[in-house]
């Protein structure tokens, strides 16, 4: 399962559903506020067994940003 597919699974578990979540999909398009991004980040950390060091300067804007950050830390293909 790809990183994107695993993130989509996490989104579905958080009742954030979108039929066409792509790398270019923004969190704004999904109506995800900053609190939900934090929740998603924590879920991704648990799913991928990593620590995403996200501060106010490096908050991901798109699903692709999140996928790329996870890929860097896990060595998996984005």
PDB file of N, CA and C in Angstrom:
ATOM      1  N   UNK A   1       0.841  -1.166   0.000  1.00  0.00           N
ATOM      2  CA  UNK A   1       0.000   0.000   0.000  1.00  0.00           C
ATOM      3  C   UNK A   1       0.896   1.243   0.000  1.00  0.00           C
ATOM      4  N   UNK A   2       0.600   2.181  -0.868  1.00  0.00           N
ATOM      5  CA  UNK A   2       1.423   3.386  -0.989  1.00  0.00           C
ATOM      6  C   UNK A   2       1.178   4.339   0.182  1.00  0.00           C
ATOM      7  N   UNK A   3       2.059   5.303   0.335  1.00  0.00           N
ATOM      8  CA  UNK A   3       1.902   6.302   1.385  1.00  0.00           C
ATOM      9  C   UNK A   3       0.580   7.044   1.193  1.00  0.00           C
ATOM     10  N   UNK A   4       0.273   7.426  -0.039  1.00  0.00           N
ATOM     11  CA  UNK A   4      -0.970   8.145  -0.333  1.00  0.00           C
ATOM     12  C   UNK A   4      -2.185   7.309   0.049  1.00  0.00           C
ATOM     13  N   UNK A   5      -2.163   6.035  -0.272  1.00  0.00           N
ATOM     14  CA  UNK A   5      -3.280   5.157   0.078  1.00  0.00           C
ATOM     15  C   UNK A   5      -3.443   5.044   1.599  1.00  0.00           C
ATOM     16  N   UNK A   6      -2.325   4.984   2.292  1.00  0.00           N
ATOM     17  CA  UNK A   6      -2.386   4.886   3.754  1.00  0.00           C
ATOM     18  C   UNK A   6      -2.905   6.182   4.370  1.00  0.00           C
ATOM     19  N   UNK A   7      -2.533   7.321   3.805  1.00  0.00           N
ATOM     20  CA  UNK A   7      -3.058   8.601   4.289  1.00  0.00           C
ATOM     21  C   UNK A   7      -4.553   8.687   4.000  1.00  0.00           C
ATOM     22  N   UNK A   8      -4.979   8.226   2.832  1.00  0.00           N
ATOM     23  CA  UNK A   8      -6.408   8.217   2.515  1.00  0.00           C
ATOM     24  C   UNK A   8      -7.176   7.365   3.524  1.00  0.00           C
ATOM     25  N   UNK A   9      -6.591   6.261   3.934  1.00  0.00           N
ATOM     26  CA  UNK A   9      -7.222   5.397   4.938  1.00  0.00           C
ATOM     27  C   UNK A   9      -7.371   6.147   6.266  1.00  0.00           C
ATOM     28  N   UNK A  10      -6.328   6.856   6.660  1.00  0.00           N
ATOM     29  CA  UNK A  10      -6.376   7.644   7.896  1.00  0.00           C
ATOM     30  C   UNK A  10      -7.449   8.727   7.785  1.00  0.00           C
ATOM     31  N   UNK A  11      -7.507   9.401   6.631  1.00  0.00           N
ATOM     32  CA  UNK A  11      -8.527  10.428   6.430  1.00  0.00           C
ATOM     33  C   UNK A  11      -9.930   9.844   6.553  1.00  0.00           C
ATOM     34  N   UNK A  12     -10.125   8.673   5.985  1.00  0.00           N
ATOM     35  CA  UNK A  12     -11.433   8.022   6.052  1.00  0.00           C
ATOM     36  C   UNK A  12     -11.796   7.676   7.494  1.00  0.00           C
ATOM     37  N   UNK A  13     -10.806   7.243   8.277  1.00  0.00           N
ATOM     38  CA  UNK A  13     -11.052   6.922   9.679  1.00  0.00           C
ATOM     39  C   UNK A  13     -11.416   8.166  10.480  1.00  0.00           C
ATOM     40  N   UNK A  14     -10.983   9.335  10.007  1.00  0.00           N
ATOM     41  CA  UNK A  14     -11.296  10.594  10.682  1.00  0.00           C
ATOM     42  C   UNK A  14     -12.525  11.257  10.062  1.00  0.00           C
ATOM     43  N   UNK A  15     -13.271  10.483   9.294  1.00  0.00           N
ATOM     44  CA  UNK A  15     -14.489  10.974   8.629  1.00  0.00           C
ATOM     45  C   UNK A  15     -14.226  12.136   7.686  1.00  0.00           C
ATOM     46  N   UNK A  16     -13.033  12.162   7.133  1.00  0.00           N
ATOM     47  CA  UNK A  16     -12.703  13.138   6.101  1.00  0.00           C
ATOM     48  C   UNK A  16     -12.619  12.352   4.805  1.00  0.00           C
ATOM     49  N   UNK A  17     -13.691  12.381   4.054  1.00  0.00           N
ATOM     50  CA  UNK A  17     -13.744  11.568   2.854  1.00  0.00           C
ATOM     51  C   UNK A  17     -13.786  12.443   1.617  1.00  0.00           C
ATOM     52  N   UNK A  18     -13.056  12.041   0.662  1.00  0.00           N
ATOM     53  CA  UNK A  18     -12.984  12.717  -0.633  1.00  0.00           C
ATOM     54  C   UNK A  18     -12.664  11.632  -1.641  1.00  0.00           C
ATOM     55  N   UNK A  19     -13.444  11.551  -2.675  1.00  0.00           N
ATOM     56  CA  UNK A  19     -13.251  10.483  -3.656  1.00  0.00           C
ATOM     57  C   UNK A  19     -11.949  10.604  -4.426  1.00  0.00           C
ATOM     58  N   UNK A  20     -11.489  11.807  -4.617  1.00  0.00           N
ATOM     59  CA  UNK A  20     -10.318  11.989  -5.462  1.00  0.00           C
ATOM     60  C   UNK A  20      -9.213  12.756  -4.735  1.00  0.00           C
ATOM     61  N   UNK A  21      -8.738  12.215  -3.631  1.00  0.00           N
ATOM     62  CA  UNK A  21      -7.609  12.822  -2.929  1.00  0.00           C
ATOM     63  C   UNK A  21      -6.353  12.463  -3.702  1.00  0.00           C
ATOM     64  N   UNK A  22      -5.666  13.499  -4.167  1.00  0.00           N
ATOM     65  CA  UNK A  22      -4.438  13.315  -4.935  1.00  0.00           C
ATOM     66  C   UNK A  22      -3.299  14.032  -4.227  1.00  0.00           C
ATOM     67  N   UNK A  23      -2.132  13.939  -4.787  1.00  0.00           N
ATOM     68  CA  UNK A  23      -0.972  14.629  -4.232  1.00  0.00           C
ATOM     69  C   UNK A  23      -1.188  16.146  -4.234  1.00  0.00           C
ATOM     70  N   UNK A  24      -1.982  16.649  -5.157  1.00  0.00           N
ATOM     71  CA  UNK A  24      -2.208  18.089  -5.282  1.00  0.00           C
ATOM     72  C   UNK A  24      -3.348  18.601  -4.412  1.00  0.00           C
ATOM     73  N   UNK A  25      -4.113  17.699  -3.806  1.00  0.00           N
ATOM     74  CA  UNK A  25      -5.244  18.099  -2.977  1.00  0.00           C
ATOM     75  C   UNK A  25      -4.751  18.881  -1.767  1.00  0.00           C
ATOM     76  N   UNK A  26      -5.336  20.058  -1.554  1.00  0.00           N
ATOM     77  CA  UNK A  26      -4.943  20.874  -0.404  1.00  0.00           C
ATOM     78  C   UNK A  26      -5.818  20.536   0.793  1.00  0.00           C
ATOM     79  N   UNK A  27      -5.320  20.861   1.958  1.00  0.00           N
ATOM     80  CA  UNK A  27      -6.106  20.648   3.169  1.00  0.00           C
ATOM     81  C   UNK A  27      -7.323  21.572   3.167  1.00  0.00           C
ATOM     82  N   UNK A  28      -7.185  22.752   2.572  1.00  0.00           N
ATOM     83  CA  UNK A  28      -8.328  23.659   2.447  1.00  0.00           C
ATOM     84  C   UNK A  28      -9.440  23.025   1.622  1.00  0.00           C
ATOM     85  N   UNK A  29      -9.078  22.358   0.541  1.00  0.00           N
ATOM     86  CA  UNK A  29     -10.078  21.694  -0.301  1.00  0.00           C
ATOM     87  C   UNK A  29     -10.825  20.607   0.458  1.00  0.00           C
ATOM     88  N   UNK A  30     -10.165  20.017   1.441  1.00  0.00           N
ATOM     89  CA  UNK A  30     -10.789  18.970   2.252  1.00  0.00           C
ATOM     90  C   UNK A  30     -11.475  19.536   3.494  1.00  0.00           C
ATOM     91  N   UNK A  31     -11.456  20.877   3.617  1.00  0.00           N
ATOM     92  CA  UNK A  31     -12.013  21.551   4.797  1.00  0.00           C
ATOM     93  C   UNK A  31     -11.374  21.060   6.089  1.00  0.00           C
ATOM     94  N   UNK A  32     -10.053  20.884   6.037  1.00  0.00           N
ATOM     95  CA  UNK A  32      -9.300  20.454   7.214  1.00  0.00           C
ATOM     96  C   UNK A  32      -8.672  21.688   7.844  1.00  0.00           C
ATOM     97  N   UNK A  33      -9.034  21.955   9.105  1.00  0.00           N
ATOM     98  CA  UNK A  33      -8.450  23.094   9.801  1.00  0.00           C
ATOM     99  C   UNK A  33      -7.128  22.687  10.456  1.00  0.00           C
ATOM    100  N   UNK A  34      -6.487  23.651  11.106  1.00  0.00           N
ATOM    101  CA  UNK A  34      -5.164  23.381  11.673  1.00  0.00           C
ATOM    102  C   UNK A  34      -5.205  22.303  12.749  1.00  0.00           C
ATOM    103  N   UNK A  35      -6.276  22.245  13.518  1.00  0.00           N
ATOM    104  CA  UNK A  35      -6.399  21.204  14.535  1.00  0.00           C
ATOM    105  C   UNK A  35      -6.491  19.821  13.893  1.00  0.00           C
ATOM    106  N   UNK A  36      -7.238  19.721  12.803  1.00  0.00           N
ATOM    107  CA  UNK A  36      -7.353  18.444  12.095  1.00  0.00           C
ATOM    108  C   UNK A  36      -6.024  18.054  11.449  1.00  0.00           C
ATOM    109  N   UNK A  37      -5.234  19.036  11.004  1.00  0.00           N
ATOM    110  CA  UNK A  37      -3.911  18.738  10.443  1.00  0.00           C
ATOM    111  C   UNK A  37      -3.019  18.151  11.536  1.00  0.00           C
ATOM    112  N   UNK A  38      -3.110  18.703  12.733  1.00  0.00           N
ATOM    113  CA  UNK A  38      -2.332  18.162  13.860  1.00  0.00           C
ATOM    114  C   UNK A  38      -2.759  16.721  14.144  1.00  0.00           C
ATOM    115  N   UNK A  39      -4.065  16.485  14.141  1.00  0.00           N
ATOM    116  CA  UNK A  39      -4.580  15.136  14.372  1.00  0.00           C
ATOM    117  C   UNK A  39      -4.107  14.176  13.281  1.00  0.00           C
ATOM    118  N   UNK A  40      -4.170  14.629  12.033  1.00  0.00           N
ATOM    119  CA  UNK A  40      -3.686  13.818  10.912  1.00  0.00           C
ATOM    120  C   UNK A  40      -2.195  13.528  11.068  1.00  0.00           C
ATOM    121  N   UNK A  41      -1.441  14.538  11.465  1.00  0.00           N
ATOM    122  CA  UNK A  41       0.002  14.372  11.661  1.00  0.00           C
ATOM    123  C   UNK A  41       0.280  13.309  12.716  1.00  0.00           C
ATOM    124  N   UNK A  42      -0.436  13.370  13.827  1.00  0.00           N
ATOM    125  CA  UNK A  42      -0.231  12.390  14.893  1.00  0.00           C
ATOM    126  C   UNK A  42      -0.622  10.990  14.414  1.00  0.00           C
ATOM    127  N   UNK A  43      -1.681  10.889  13.651  1.00  0.00           N
ATOM    128  CA  UNK A  43      -2.092   9.585  13.116  1.00  0.00           C
ATOM    129  C   UNK A  43      -1.051   9.045  12.145  1.00  0.00           C
ATOM    130  N   UNK A  44      -0.484   9.924  11.333  1.00  0.00           N
ATOM    131  CA  UNK A  44       0.561   9.493  10.392  1.00  0.00           C
ATOM    132  C   UNK A  44       1.815   9.050  11.138  1.00  0.00           C
ATOM    133  N   UNK A  45       2.156   9.767  12.204  1.00  0.00           N
ATOM    134  CA  UNK A  45       3.318   9.368  13.000  1.00  0.00           C
ATOM    135  C   UNK A  45       3.126   7.957  13.545  1.00  0.00           C
ATOM    136  N   UNK A  46       1.935   7.674  14.006  1.00  0.00           N
ATOM    137  CA  UNK A  46       1.646   6.346  14.538  1.00  0.00           C
ATOM    138  C   UNK A  46       1.648   5.300  13.420  1.00  0.00           C
ATOM    139  N   UNK A  47       1.006   5.607  12.307  1.00  0.00           N
ATOM    140  CA  UNK A  47       0.897   4.664  11.178  1.00  0.00           C
ATOM    141  C   UNK A  47       2.266   4.297  10.609  1.00  0.00           C
ATOM    142  N   UNK A  48       3.135   5.306  10.478  1.00  0.00           N
ATOM    143  CA  UNK A  48       4.429   5.088   9.817  1.00  0.00           C
ATOM    144  C   UNK A  48       5.577   4.929  10.810  1.00  0.00           C
ATOM    145  N   UNK A  49       5.289   5.007  12.113  1.00  0.00           N
ATOM    146  CA  UNK A  49       6.288   4.877  13.158  1.00  0.00           C
ATOM    147  C   UNK A  49       7.438   5.862  12.955  1.00  0.00           C
ATOM    148  N   UNK A  50       7.046   7.135  12.811  1.00  0.00           N
ATOM    149  CA  UNK A  50       8.011   8.210  12.590  1.00  0.00           C
ATOM    150  C   UNK A  50       7.627   9.386  13.467  1.00  0.00           C
ATOM    151  N   UNK A  51       8.494  10.399  13.485  1.00  0.00           N
ATOM    152  CA  UNK A  51       8.167  11.651  14.158  1.00  0.00           C
ATOM    153  C   UNK A  51       8.251  12.759  13.120  1.00  0.00           C
ATOM    154  N   UNK A  52       7.111  13.336  12.816  1.00  0.00           N
ATOM    155  CA  UNK A  52       7.045  14.442  11.865  1.00  0.00           C
ATOM    156  C   UNK A  52       7.272  15.736  12.628  1.00  0.00           C
ATOM    157  N   UNK A  53       8.398  16.378  12.382  1.00  0.00           N
ATOM    158  CA  UNK A  53       8.722  17.621  13.068  1.00  0.00           C
ATOM    159  C   UNK A  53       8.109  18.767  12.277  1.00  0.00           C
ATOM    160  N   UNK A  54       6.851  19.057  12.579  1.00  0.00           N
ATOM    161  CA  UNK A  54       6.138  20.102  11.849  1.00  0.00           C
ATOM    162  C   UNK A  54       5.944  21.285  12.777  1.00  0.00           C
ATOM    163  N   UNK A  55       6.511  22.421  12.367  1.00  0.00           N
ATOM    164  CA  UNK A  55       6.301  23.641  13.138  1.00  0.00           C
ATOM    165  C   UNK A  55       5.546  24.642  12.266  1.00  0.00           C
ATOM    166  N   UNK A  56       5.366  25.831  12.761  1.00  0.00           N
ATOM    167  CA  UNK A  56       4.561  26.812  12.034  1.00  0.00           C
ATOM    168  C   UNK A  56       5.151  27.174  10.676  1.00  0.00           C
ATOM    169  N   UNK A  57       6.451  26.963  10.488  1.00  0.00           N
ATOM    170  CA  UNK A  57       7.091  27.278   9.210  1.00  0.00           C
ATOM    171  C   UNK A  57       7.034  26.129   8.213  1.00  0.00           C
ATOM    172  N   UNK A  58       6.718  24.925   8.688  1.00  0.00           N
ATOM    173  CA  UNK A  58       6.762  23.776   7.782  1.00  0.00           C
ATOM    174  C   UNK A  58       5.444  22.998   7.746  1.00  0.00           C
ATOM    175  N   UNK A  59       4.354  23.680   8.005  1.00  0.00           N
ATOM    176  CA  UNK A  59       3.053  23.025   7.956  1.00  0.00           C
ATOM    177  C   UNK A  59       2.753  22.647   6.512  1.00  0.00           C
ATOM    178  N   UNK A  60       2.426  21.382   6.266  1.00  0.00           N
ATOM    179  CA  UNK A  60       2.131  20.977   4.889  1.00  0.00           C
ATOM    180  C   UNK A  60       0.863  21.658   4.386  1.00  0.00           C
ATOM    181  N   UNK A  61       0.865  22.011   3.104  1.00  0.00           N
ATOM    182  CA  UNK A  61      -0.293  22.662   2.492  1.00  0.00           C
ATOM    183  C   UNK A  61      -1.126  21.675   1.682  1.00  0.00           C
ATOM    184  N   UNK A  62      -0.469  20.620   1.200  1.00  0.00           N
ATOM    185  CA  UNK A  62      -1.151  19.635   0.361  1.00  0.00           C
ATOM    186  C   UNK A  62      -0.887  18.233   0.897  1.00  0.00           C
ATOM    187  N   UNK A  63      -1.687  17.306   0.420  1.00  0.00           N
ATOM    188  CA  UNK A  63      -1.464  15.898   0.746  1.00  0.00           C
ATOM    189  C   UNK A  63      -0.082  15.488   0.245  1.00  0.00           C
ATOM    190  N   UNK A  64       0.306  15.990  -0.920  1.00  0.00           N
ATOM    191  CA  UNK A  64       1.618  15.690  -1.481  1.00  0.00           C
ATOM    192  C   UNK A  64       2.760  16.125  -0.578  1.00  0.00           C
ATOM    193  N   UNK A  65       2.617  17.299   0.069  1.00  0.00           N
ATOM    194  CA  UNK A  65       3.635  17.765   1.017  1.00  0.00           C
ATOM    195  C   UNK A  65       3.801  16.754   2.152  1.00  0.00           C
ATOM    196  N   UNK A  66       2.669  16.250   2.643  1.00  0.00           N
ATOM    197  CA  UNK A  66       2.688  15.280   3.737  1.00  0.00           C
ATOM    198  C   UNK A  66       3.326  13.971   3.262  1.00  0.00           C
ATOM    199  N   UNK A  67       2.942  13.522   2.070  1.00  0.00           N
ATOM    200  CA  UNK A  67       3.492  12.278   1.514  1.00  0.00           C
ATOM    201  C   UNK A  67       5.004  12.394   1.353  1.00  0.00           C
ATOM    202  N   UNK A  68       5.473  13.513   0.810  1.00  0.00           N
ATOM    203  CA  UNK A  68       6.910  13.694   0.584  1.00  0.00           C
ATOM    204  C   UNK A  68       7.681  13.716   1.899  1.00  0.00           C
ATOM    205  N   UNK A  69       7.141  14.371   2.916  1.00  0.00           N
ATOM    206  CA  UNK A  69       7.800  14.418   4.220  1.00  0.00           C
ATOM    207  C   UNK A  69       7.896  13.010   4.818  1.00  0.00           C
ATOM    208  N   UNK A  70       6.820  12.235   4.695  1.00  0.00           N
ATOM    209  CA  UNK A  70       6.819  10.855   5.200  1.00  0.00           C
ATOM    210  C   UNK A  70       7.812  10.004   4.411  1.00  0.00           C
ATOM    211  N   UNK A  71       7.848  10.186   3.104  1.00  0.00           N
ATOM    212  CA  UNK A  71       8.767   9.422   2.259  1.00  0.00           C
ATOM    213  C   UNK A  71      10.217   9.692   2.645  1.00  0.00           C
ATOM    214  N   UNK A  72      10.532  10.948   2.935  1.00  0.00           N
ATOM    215  CA  UNK A  72      11.894  11.305   3.361  1.00  0.00           C
ATOM    216  C   UNK A  72      12.290  10.557   4.635  1.00  0.00           C
ATOM    217  N   UNK A  73      11.357  10.463   5.553  1.00  0.00           N
ATOM    218  CA  UNK A  73      11.654   9.864   6.855  1.00  0.00           C
ATOM    219  C   UNK A  73      11.635   8.336   6.851  1.00  0.00           C
ATOM    220  N   UNK A  74      10.843   7.761   5.962  1.00  0.00           N
ATOM    221  CA  UNK A  74      10.708   6.296   5.951  1.00  0.00           C
ATOM    222  C   UNK A  74      11.578   5.627   4.903  1.00  0.00           C
ATOM    223  N   UNK A  75      11.988   6.394   3.892  1.00  0.00           N
ATOM    224  CA  UNK A  75      12.737   5.797   2.792  1.00  0.00           C
ATOM    225  C   UNK A  75      11.834   5.104   1.782  1.00  0.00           C
ATOM    226  N   UNK A  76      10.517   5.200   2.001  1.00  0.00           N
ATOM    227  CA  UNK A  76       9.560   4.613   1.047  1.00  0.00           C
ATOM    228  C   UNK A  76       9.425   5.524  -0.155  1.00  0.00           C
ATOM    229  N   UNK A  77       8.954   4.941  -1.223  1.00  0.00           N
ATOM    230  CA  UNK A  77       8.695   5.693  -2.455  1.00  0.00           C
ATOM    231  C   UNK A  77       7.460   6.571  -2.256  1.00  0.00           C
ATOM    232  N   UNK A  78       7.574   7.834  -2.632  1.00  0.00           N
ATOM    233  CA  UNK A  78       6.440   8.765  -2.520  1.00  0.00           C
ATOM    234  C   UNK A  78       5.416   8.389  -3.542  1.00  0.00           C
TER     235      UNK A  78
END
